[in-house]
Every structure is written in C-alpha cells, then in structure tokens.
Amino acid sequence: MSEKSAEKLIYGFHPVLARLRQDPSGVLEIYLDLTRRDARARDLVHQAKDNGVKLAQVEADRLTRLVGKAARHQGVVARVKPVALTQSLDE
C-alpha cells in the first residue's frame, strides 16, 4: 500500500482539533480557510504550531474540492494517518 493511500481526510473544527490534541503525530497537514480569523481558527493555528504540524491557509473553494460540496468543512480540513481500530493483545 502506498503512503498516499494510507492517508485520509477529516474535516470540521471538532474532529480536527480532537485529532490534533489526541494524536498530533497522526496529523500530516491542516488546510485552513484563509478568511477564518475567529477564536477557533486561532486555537487551531496555535495547536498546529505547538505540535509541529504543517498548516496551509487556502481558499475555501480548495477545501470544498478536497472533501466535496456536500461536506460541511467549516473552513478546516486535515490530512491524517488512519487510526487503527483494533489492536492485538500481543502488541
């Protein structure tokens, strides 16, 4: 499996911030709407910088192209490593 196929996208402030706080090494890059300047956006930028996560400020239409028109991205999309849903007792 290639490295790119092992990645997925998550979107919305709550999912992205939760993943950033729980597993910062699993967050590869965050895309933030460049017009967002509110407290949640500032908190996200701060958390990303503190954890060494690459942050790109982009146009909102790029976010929509990444996740589709039906998705409510709230101005934030993250490229992440998938979470293992099961773990062996031997690990």
PDB file of N, CA and C in Angstrom:
ATOM      1  N   MET A   1       0.852  -1.177   0.000  1.00  0.00           N
ATOM      2  CA  MET A   1       0.000   0.000   0.000  1.00  0.00           C
ATOM      3  C   MET A   1       0.894   1.236   0.000  1.00  0.00           C
ATOM      4  N   SER A   2       0.583   2.210  -0.865  1.00  0.00           N
ATOM      5  CA  SER A   2       1.410   3.411  -0.926  1.00  0.00           C
ATOM      6  C   SER A   2       1.113   4.309   0.261  1.00  0.00           C
ATOM      7  N   GLU A   3       2.057   5.214   0.522  1.00  0.00           N
ATOM      8  CA  GLU A   3       1.898   6.121   1.661  1.00  0.00           C
ATOM      9  C   GLU A   3       0.677   7.010   1.476  1.00  0.00           C
ATOM     10  N   LYS A   4       0.434   7.498   0.236  1.00  0.00           N
ATOM     11  CA  LYS A   4      -0.720   8.358  -0.026  1.00  0.00           C
ATOM     12  C   LYS A   4      -2.029   7.626   0.235  1.00  0.00           C
ATOM     13  N   SER A   5      -2.127   6.353  -0.155  1.00  0.00           N
ATOM     14  CA  SER A   5      -3.374   5.622   0.041  1.00  0.00           C
ATOM     15  C   SER A   5      -3.613   5.310   1.517  1.00  0.00           C
ATOM     16  N   ALA A   6      -2.602   5.436   2.326  1.00  0.00           N
ATOM     17  CA  ALA A   6      -2.743   5.199   3.759  1.00  0.00           C
ATOM     18  C   ALA A   6      -3.188   6.464   4.486  1.00  0.00           C
ATOM     19  N   GLU A   7      -3.470   7.527   3.747  1.00  0.00           N
ATOM     20  CA  GLU A   7      -3.914   8.786   4.343  1.00  0.00           C
ATOM     21  C   GLU A   7      -5.407   8.957   4.115  1.00  0.00           C
ATOM     22  N   LYS A   8      -6.026   9.781   4.961  1.00  0.00           N
ATOM     23  CA  LYS A   8      -7.427  10.123   4.762  1.00  0.00           C
ATOM     24  C   LYS A   8      -7.636  11.576   5.143  1.00  0.00           C
ATOM     25  N   LEU A   9      -8.791  12.104   4.807  1.00  0.00           N
ATOM     26  CA  LEU A   9      -9.129  13.480   5.134  1.00  0.00           C
ATOM     27  C   LEU A   9     -10.212  13.495   6.199  1.00  0.00           C
ATOM     28  N   ILE A  10     -10.045  14.390   7.171  1.00  0.00           N
ATOM     29  CA  ILE A  10     -11.104  14.671   8.136  1.00  0.00           C
ATOM     30  C   ILE A  10     -11.375  16.164   8.050  1.00  0.00           C
ATOM     31  N   TYR A  11     -12.567  16.582   8.446  1.00  0.00           N
ATOM     32  CA  TYR A  11     -12.907  17.995   8.308  1.00  0.00           C
ATOM     33  C   TYR A  11     -13.857  18.432   9.411  1.00  0.00           C
ATOM     34  N   GLY A  12     -13.872  19.753   9.633  1.00  0.00           N
ATOM     35  CA  GLY A  12     -14.656  20.346  10.705  1.00  0.00           C
ATOM     36  C   GLY A  12     -13.760  20.614  11.907  1.00  0.00           C
ATOM     37  N   PHE A  13     -14.064  21.673  12.639  1.00  0.00           N
ATOM     38  CA  PHE A  13     -13.199  22.066  13.751  1.00  0.00           C
ATOM     39  C   PHE A  13     -13.116  21.015  14.850  1.00  0.00           C
ATOM     40  N   HIS A  14     -14.235  20.452  15.269  1.00  0.00           N
ATOM     41  CA  HIS A  14     -14.190  19.484  16.373  1.00  0.00           C
ATOM     42  C   HIS A  14     -13.361  18.248  16.028  1.00  0.00           C
ATOM     43  N   PRO A  15     -13.609  17.595  14.895  1.00  0.00           N
ATOM     44  CA  PRO A  15     -12.793  16.414  14.572  1.00  0.00           C
ATOM     45  C   PRO A  15     -11.309  16.727  14.403  1.00  0.00           C
ATOM     46  N   VAL A  16     -11.005  17.844  13.744  1.00  0.00           N
ATOM     47  CA  VAL A  16      -9.596  18.174  13.502  1.00  0.00           C
ATOM     48  C   VAL A  16      -8.893  18.531  14.811  1.00  0.00           C
ATOM     49  N   LEU A  17      -9.505  19.369  15.642  1.00  0.00           N
ATOM     50  CA  LEU A  17      -8.882  19.726  16.922  1.00  0.00           C
ATOM     51  C   LEU A  17      -8.754  18.513  17.839  1.00  0.00           C
ATOM     52  N   ALA A  18      -9.770  17.653  17.860  1.00  0.00           N
ATOM     53  CA  ALA A  18      -9.696  16.453  18.705  1.00  0.00           C
ATOM     54  C   ALA A  18      -8.541  15.562  18.270  1.00  0.00           C
ATOM     55  N   ARG A  19      -8.403  15.354  16.983  1.00  0.00           N
ATOM     56  CA  ARG A  19      -7.300  14.506  16.491  1.00  0.00           C
ATOM     57  C   ARG A  19      -5.954  15.154  16.787  1.00  0.00           C
ATOM     58  N   LEU A  20      -5.875  16.462  16.631  1.00  0.00           N
ATOM     59  CA  LEU A  20      -4.636  17.190  16.892  1.00  0.00           C
ATOM     60  C   LEU A  20      -4.235  17.083  18.363  1.00  0.00           C
ATOM     61  N   ARG A  21      -5.202  17.112  19.253  1.00  0.00           N
ATOM     62  CA  ARG A  21      -4.907  17.014  20.688  1.00  0.00           C
ATOM     63  C   ARG A  21      -4.597  15.580  21.120  1.00  0.00           C
ATOM     64  N   GLN A  22      -5.296  14.605  20.539  1.00  0.00           N
ATOM     65  CA  GLN A  22      -5.128  13.209  20.955  1.00  0.00           C
ATOM     66  C   GLN A  22      -3.962  12.513  20.274  1.00  0.00           C
ATOM     67  N   ASP A  23      -3.712  12.843  19.013  1.00  0.00           N
ATOM     68  CA  ASP A  23      -2.689  12.138  18.239  1.00  0.00           C
ATOM     69  C   ASP A  23      -2.028  13.092  17.249  1.00  0.00           C
ATOM     70  N   PRO A  24      -1.269  14.079  17.741  1.00  0.00           N
ATOM     71  CA  PRO A  24      -0.682  15.065  16.830  1.00  0.00           C
ATOM     72  C   PRO A  24       0.239  14.453  15.781  1.00  0.00           C
ATOM     73  N   SER A  25       0.903  13.344  16.093  1.00  0.00           N
ATOM     74  CA  SER A  25       1.791  12.727  15.104  1.00  0.00           C
ATOM     75  C   SER A  25       1.003  12.100  13.958  1.00  0.00           C
ATOM     76  N   GLY A  26      -0.284  11.877  14.159  1.00  0.00           N
ATOM     77  CA  GLY A  26      -1.131  11.328  13.109  1.00  0.00           C
ATOM     78  C   GLY A  26      -1.699  12.371  12.173  1.00  0.00           C
ATOM     79  N   VAL A  27      -1.484  13.654  12.487  1.00  0.00           N
ATOM     80  CA  VAL A  27      -1.965  14.737  11.632  1.00  0.00           C
ATOM     81  C   VAL A  27      -0.811  15.164  10.734  1.00  0.00           C
ATOM     82  N   LEU A  28      -0.977  14.966   9.439  1.00  0.00           N
ATOM     83  CA  LEU A  28       0.098  15.237   8.493  1.00  0.00           C
ATOM     84  C   LEU A  28       0.107  16.685   8.024  1.00  0.00           C
ATOM     85  N   GLU A  29      -1.074  17.244   7.792  1.00  0.00           N
ATOM     86  CA  GLU A  29      -1.174  18.625   7.317  1.00  0.00           C
ATOM     87  C   GLU A  29      -2.593  19.116   7.544  1.00  0.00           C
ATOM     88  N   ILE A  30      -2.712  20.415   7.837  1.00  0.00           N
ATOM     89  CA  ILE A  30      -4.022  21.032   8.031  1.00  0.00           C
ATOM     90  C   ILE A  30      -4.185  22.130   6.996  1.00  0.00           C
ATOM     91  N   TYR A  31      -5.372  22.157   6.380  1.00  0.00           N
ATOM     92  CA  TYR A  31      -5.725  23.209   5.429  1.00  0.00           C
ATOM     93  C   TYR A  31      -6.794  24.070   6.091  1.00  0.00           C
ATOM     94  N   LEU A  32      -6.529  25.361   6.207  1.00  0.00           N
ATOM     95  CA  LEU A  32      -7.437  26.288   6.886  1.00  0.00           C
ATOM     96  C   LEU A  32      -7.860  27.385   5.924  1.00  0.00           C
ATOM     97  N   ASP A  33      -9.150  27.680   5.901  1.00  0.00           N
ATOM     98  CA  ASP A  33      -9.682  28.768   5.075  1.00  0.00           C
ATOM     99  C   ASP A  33      -8.976  30.063   5.471  1.00  0.00           C
ATOM    100  N   LEU A  34      -8.371  30.719   4.499  1.00  0.00           N
ATOM    101  CA  LEU A  34      -7.577  31.914   4.819  1.00  0.00           C
ATOM    102  C   LEU A  34      -8.405  33.080   5.323  1.00  0.00           C
ATOM    103  N   THR A  35      -9.737  33.023   5.200  1.00  0.00           N
ATOM    104  CA  THR A  35     -10.577  34.105   5.721  1.00  0.00           C
ATOM    105  C   THR A  35     -10.978  33.882   7.181  1.00  0.00           C
ATOM    106  N   ARG A  36     -10.704  32.700   7.734  1.00  0.00           N
ATOM    107  CA  ARG A  36     -11.072  32.420   9.126  1.00  0.00           C
ATOM    108  C   ARG A  36     -10.087  33.104  10.070  1.00  0.00           C
ATOM    109  N   ARG A  37     -10.598  33.996  10.908  1.00  0.00           N
ATOM    110  CA  ARG A  37      -9.766  34.723  11.863  1.00  0.00           C
ATOM    111  C   ARG A  37     -10.352  34.679  13.274  1.00  0.00           C
ATOM    112  N   ASP A  38     -11.328  33.808  13.486  1.00  0.00           N
ATOM    113  CA  ASP A  38     -12.019  33.736  14.770  1.00  0.00           C
ATOM    114  C   ASP A  38     -11.208  32.949  15.802  1.00  0.00           C
ATOM    115  N   ALA A  39     -11.744  32.848  17.004  1.00  0.00           N
ATOM    116  CA  ALA A  39     -11.036  32.191  18.110  1.00  0.00           C
ATOM    117  C   ALA A  39     -10.734  30.723  17.815  1.00  0.00           C
ATOM    118  N   ARG A  40     -11.680  30.010  17.198  1.00  0.00           N
ATOM    119  CA  ARG A  40     -11.423  28.594  16.891  1.00  0.00           C
ATOM    120  C   ARG A  40     -10.284  28.448  15.891  1.00  0.00           C
ATOM    121  N   ALA A  41     -10.239  29.327  14.910  1.00  0.00           N
ATOM    122  CA  ALA A  41      -9.155  29.270  13.920  1.00  0.00           C
ATOM    123  C   ALA A  41      -7.820  29.595  14.578  1.00  0.00           C
ATOM    124  N   ARG A  42      -7.807  30.591  15.455  1.00  0.00           N
ATOM    125  CA  ARG A  42      -6.561  30.942  16.153  1.00  0.00           C
ATOM    126  C   ARG A  42      -6.092  29.798  17.047  1.00  0.00           C
ATOM    127  N   ASP A  43      -7.028  29.144  17.725  1.00  0.00           N
ATOM    128  CA  ASP A  43      -6.683  27.994  18.566  1.00  0.00           C
ATOM    129  C   ASP A  43      -6.095  26.868  17.718  1.00  0.00           C
ATOM    130  N   LEU A  44      -6.684  26.620  16.569  1.00  0.00           N
ATOM    131  CA  LEU A  44      -6.190  25.583  15.670  1.00  0.00           C
ATOM    132  C   LEU A  44      -4.777  25.899  15.194  1.00  0.00           C
ATOM    133  N   VAL A  45      -4.535  27.142  14.803  1.00  0.00           N
ATOM    134  CA  VAL A  45      -3.201  27.558  14.354  1.00  0.00           C
ATOM    135  C   VAL A  45      -2.191  27.361  15.486  1.00  0.00           C
ATOM    136  N   HIS A  46      -2.559  27.761  16.694  1.00  0.00           N
ATOM    137  CA  HIS A  46      -1.679  27.619  17.862  1.00  0.00           C
ATOM    138  C   HIS A  46      -1.360  26.148  18.129  1.00  0.00           C
ATOM    139  N   GLN A  47      -2.393  25.299  18.131  1.00  0.00           N
ATOM    140  CA  GLN A  47      -2.199  23.863  18.380  1.00  0.00           C
ATOM    141  C   GLN A  47      -1.306  23.239  17.305  1.00  0.00           C
ATOM    142  N   ALA A  48      -1.527  23.622  16.054  1.00  0.00           N
ATOM    143  CA  ALA A  48      -0.719  23.079  14.954  1.00  0.00           C
ATOM    144  C   ALA A  48       0.745  23.472  15.121  1.00  0.00           C
ATOM    145  N   LYS A  49       0.988  24.738  15.420  1.00  0.00           N
ATOM    146  CA  LYS A  49       2.371  25.202  15.596  1.00  0.00           C
ATOM    147  C   LYS A  49       3.039  24.506  16.775  1.00  0.00           C
ATOM    148  N   ASP A  50       2.314  24.394  17.894  1.00  0.00           N
ATOM    149  CA  ASP A  50       2.869  23.737  19.084  1.00  0.00           C
ATOM    150  C   ASP A  50       3.250  22.280  18.823  1.00  0.00           C
ATOM    151  N   ASN A  51       2.529  21.638  17.908  1.00  0.00           N
ATOM    152  CA  ASN A  51       2.767  20.223  17.625  1.00  0.00           C
ATOM    153  C   ASN A  51       3.572  19.989  16.352  1.00  0.00           C
ATOM    154  N   GLY A  52       4.052  21.065  15.737  1.00  0.00           N
ATOM    155  CA  GLY A  52       4.880  20.928  14.544  1.00  0.00           C
ATOM    156  C   GLY A  52       4.141  20.394  13.329  1.00  0.00           C
ATOM    157  N   VAL A  53       2.844  20.658  13.260  1.00  0.00           N
ATOM    158  CA  VAL A  53       2.033  20.192  12.133  1.00  0.00           C
ATOM    159  C   VAL A  53       1.990  21.283  11.068  1.00  0.00           C
ATOM    160  N   LYS A  54       2.237  20.886   9.838  1.00  0.00           N
ATOM    161  CA  LYS A  54       2.216  21.826   8.717  1.00  0.00           C
ATOM    162  C   LYS A  54       0.804  22.374   8.541  1.00  0.00           C
ATOM    163  N   LEU A  55       0.704  23.701   8.379  1.00  0.00           N
ATOM    164  CA  LEU A  55      -0.582  24.368   8.216  1.00  0.00           C
ATOM    165  C   LEU A  55      -0.539  25.192   6.942  1.00  0.00           C
ATOM    166  N   ALA A  56      -1.532  25.010   6.088  1.00  0.00           N
ATOM    167  CA  ALA A  56      -1.630  25.783   4.849  1.00  0.00           C
ATOM    168  C   ALA A  56      -2.935  26.563   4.866  1.00  0.00           C
ATOM    169  N   GLN A  57      -2.834  27.876   4.667  1.00  0.00           N
ATOM    170  CA  GLN A  57      -4.039  28.689   4.567  1.00  0.00           C
ATOM    171  C   GLN A  57      -4.404  28.774   3.090  1.00  0.00           C
ATOM    172  N   VAL A  58      -5.630  28.351   2.773  1.00  0.00           N
ATOM    173  CA  VAL A  58      -6.057  28.199   1.386  1.00  0.00           C
ATOM    174  C   VAL A  58      -7.434  28.825   1.181  1.00  0.00           C
ATOM    175  N   GLU A  59      -7.812  28.974  -0.081  1.00  0.00           N
ATOM    176  CA  GLU A  59      -9.144  29.471  -0.437  1.00  0.00           C
ATOM    177  C   GLU A  59     -10.192  28.422  -0.041  1.00  0.00           C
ATOM    178  N   ALA A  60     -11.374  28.885   0.333  1.00  0.00           N
ATOM    179  CA  ALA A  60     -12.452  27.978   0.749  1.00  0.00           C
ATOM    180  C   ALA A  60     -12.832  26.999  -0.355  1.00  0.00           C
ATOM    181  N   ASP A  61     -12.759  27.431  -1.622  1.00  0.00           N
ATOM    182  CA  ASP A  61     -13.138  26.517  -2.704  1.00  0.00           C
ATOM    183  C   ASP A  61     -12.171  25.341  -2.825  1.00  0.00           C
ATOM    184  N   ARG A  62     -10.924  25.516  -2.413  1.00  0.00           N
ATOM    185  CA  ARG A  62      -9.988  24.385  -2.417  1.00  0.00           C
ATOM    186  C   ARG A  62     -10.413  23.344  -1.385  1.00  0.00           C
ATOM    187  N   LEU A  63     -10.878  23.807  -0.223  1.00  0.00           N
ATOM    188  CA  LEU A  63     -11.360  22.883   0.807  1.00  0.00           C
ATOM    189  C   LEU A  63     -12.566  22.097   0.290  1.00  0.00           C
ATOM    190  N   THR A  64     -13.464  22.797  -0.388  1.00  0.00           N
ATOM    191  CA  THR A  64     -14.649  22.148  -0.951  1.00  0.00           C
ATOM    192  C   THR A  64     -14.255  21.118  -1.998  1.00  0.00           C
ATOM    193  N   ARG A  65     -13.267  21.422  -2.814  1.00  0.00           N
ATOM    194  CA  ARG A  65     -12.800  20.449  -3.813  1.00  0.00           C
ATOM    195  C   ARG A  65     -12.193  19.220  -3.136  1.00  0.00           C
ATOM    196  N   LEU A  66     -11.540  19.412  -1.998  1.00  0.00           N
ATOM    197  CA  LEU A  66     -10.928  18.282  -1.291  1.00  0.00           C
ATOM    198  C   LEU A  66     -11.966  17.306  -0.739  1.00  0.00           C
ATOM    199  N   VAL A  67     -13.040  17.840  -0.146  1.00  0.00           N
ATOM    200  CA  VAL A  67     -13.991  16.977   0.568  1.00  0.00           C
ATOM    201  C   VAL A  67     -15.362  16.868  -0.089  1.00  0.00           C
ATOM    202  N   GLY A  68     -15.616  17.655  -1.112  1.00  0.00           N
ATOM    203  CA  GLY A  68     -16.899  17.601  -1.803  1.00  0.00           C
ATOM    204  C   GLY A  68     -17.865  18.668  -1.319  1.00  0.00           C
ATOM    205  N   LYS A  69     -18.809  18.993  -2.188  1.00  0.00           N
ATOM    206  CA  LYS A  69     -19.771  20.066  -1.893  1.00  0.00           C
ATOM    207  C   LYS A  69     -20.720  19.727  -0.757  1.00  0.00           C
ATOM    208  N   ALA A  70     -21.026  18.453  -0.575  1.00  0.00           N
ATOM    209  CA  ALA A  70     -21.977  18.051   0.464  1.00  0.00           C
ATOM    210  C   ALA A  70     -21.372  18.108   1.867  1.00  0.00           C
ATOM    211  N   ALA A  71     -20.054  18.116   1.961  1.00  0.00           N
ATOM    212  CA  ALA A  71     -19.380  18.112   3.267  1.00  0.00           C
ATOM    213  C   ALA A  71     -19.371  19.514   3.869  1.00  0.00           C
ATOM    214  N   ARG A  72     -19.643  19.607   5.152  1.00  0.00           N
ATOM    215  CA  ARG A  72     -19.600  20.897   5.856  1.00  0.00           C
ATOM    216  C   ARG A  72     -18.258  20.999   6.568  1.00  0.00           C
ATOM    217  N   HIS A  73     -17.268  21.506   5.856  1.00  0.00           N
ATOM    218  CA  HIS A  73     -15.898  21.516   6.377  1.00  0.00           C
ATOM    219  C   HIS A  73     -15.624  22.629   7.374  1.00  0.00           C
ATOM    220  N   GLN A  74     -16.482  23.637   7.469  1.00  0.00           N
ATOM    221  CA  GLN A  74     -16.339  24.746   8.415  1.00  0.00           C
ATOM    222  C   GLN A  74     -15.025  25.508   8.241  1.00  0.00           C
ATOM    223  N   GLY A  75     -14.384  25.341   7.100  1.00  0.00           N
ATOM    224  CA  GLY A  75     -13.146  26.075   6.849  1.00  0.00           C
ATOM    225  C   GLY A  75     -11.891  25.356   7.285  1.00  0.00           C
ATOM    226  N   VAL A  76     -11.992  24.064   7.605  1.00  0.00           N
ATOM    227  CA  VAL A  76     -10.796  23.320   8.017  1.00  0.00           C
ATOM    228  C   VAL A  76     -10.879  21.860   7.556  1.00  0.00           C
ATOM    229  N   VAL A  77      -9.773  21.409   6.959  1.00  0.00           N
ATOM    230  CA  VAL A  77      -9.623  20.021   6.515  1.00  0.00           C
ATOM    231  C   VAL A  77      -8.228  19.573   6.935  1.00  0.00           C
ATOM    232  N   ALA A  78      -8.105  18.338   7.387  1.00  0.00           N
ATOM    233  CA  ALA A  78      -6.790  17.808   7.769  1.00  0.00           C
ATOM    234  C   ALA A  78      -6.519  16.505   7.030  1.00  0.00           C
ATOM    235  N   ARG A  79      -5.291  16.356   6.622  1.00  0.00           N
ATOM    236  CA  ARG A  79      -4.806  15.101   6.029  1.00  0.00           C
ATOM    237  C   ARG A  79      -4.173  14.323   7.172  1.00  0.00           C
ATOM    238  N   VAL A  80      -4.684  13.124   7.440  1.00  0.00           N
ATOM    239  CA  VAL A  80      -4.261  12.355   8.611  1.00  0.00           C
ATOM    240  C   VAL A  80      -3.922  10.912   8.246  1.00  0.00           C
ATOM    241  N   LYS A  81      -3.188  10.271   9.155  1.00  0.00           N
ATOM    242  CA  LYS A  81      -2.955   8.831   9.056  1.00  0.00           C
ATOM    243  C   LYS A  81      -4.198   8.146   9.615  1.00  0.00           C
ATOM    244  N   PRO A  82      -4.612   7.025   9.033  1.00  0.00           N
ATOM    245  CA  PRO A  82      -5.774   6.314   9.572  1.00  0.00           C
ATOM    246  C   PRO A  82      -5.504   5.819  10.993  1.00  0.00           C
ATOM    247  N   VAL A  83      -6.555   5.736  11.776  1.00  0.00           N
ATOM    248  CA  VAL A  83      -6.461   5.230  13.142  1.00  0.00           C
ATOM    249  C   VAL A  83      -6.705   3.727  13.109  1.00  0.00           C
ATOM    250  N   ALA A  84      -5.856   2.973  13.779  1.00  0.00           N
ATOM    251  CA  ALA A  84      -6.056   1.527  13.881  1.00  0.00           C
ATOM    252  C   ALA A  84      -7.258   1.273  14.778  1.00  0.00           C
ATOM    253  N   LEU A  85      -8.228   0.539  14.278  1.00  0.00           N
ATOM    254  CA  LEU A  85      -9.443   0.296  15.050  1.00  0.00           C
ATOM    255  C   LEU A  85      -9.321  -0.888  15.991  1.00  0.00           C
ATOM    256  N   THR A  86      -8.398  -1.775  15.714  1.00  0.00           N
ATOM    257  CA  THR A  86      -8.185  -2.916  16.599  1.00  0.00           C
ATOM    258  C   THR A  86      -6.711  -3.024  16.934  1.00  0.00           C
ATOM    259  N   GLN A  87      -6.445  -3.619  18.057  1.00  0.00           N
ATOM    260  CA  GLN A  87      -5.062  -3.802  18.477  1.00  0.00           C
ATOM    261  C   GLN A  87      -4.940  -5.170  19.140  1.00  0.00           C
ATOM    262  N   SER A  88      -3.923  -5.883  18.785  1.00  0.00           N
ATOM    263  CA  SER A  88      -3.690  -7.208  19.344  1.00  0.00           C
ATOM    264  C   SER A  88      -3.216  -7.089  20.790  1.00  0.00           C
ATOM    265  N   LEU A  89      -3.575  -8.054  21.610  1.00  0.00           N
ATOM    266  CA  LEU A  89      -3.094  -8.064  22.989  1.00  0.00           C
ATOM    267  C   LEU A  89      -1.598  -8.338  23.052  1.00  0.00           C
ATOM    268  N   ASP A  90      -1.045  -8.885  21.980  1.00  0.00           N
ATOM    269  CA  ASP A  90       0.390  -9.156  21.917  1.00  0.00           C
ATOM    270  C   ASP A  90       1.211  -7.907  21.634  1.00  0.00           C
ATOM    271  N   GLU A  91       0.558  -6.830  21.193  1.00  0.00           N
ATOM    272  CA  GLU A  91       1.303  -5.610  20.838  1.00  0.00           C
ATOM    273  C   GLU A  91       1.628  -4.781  22.043  1.00  0.00           C
TER     274      GLU A  91
END
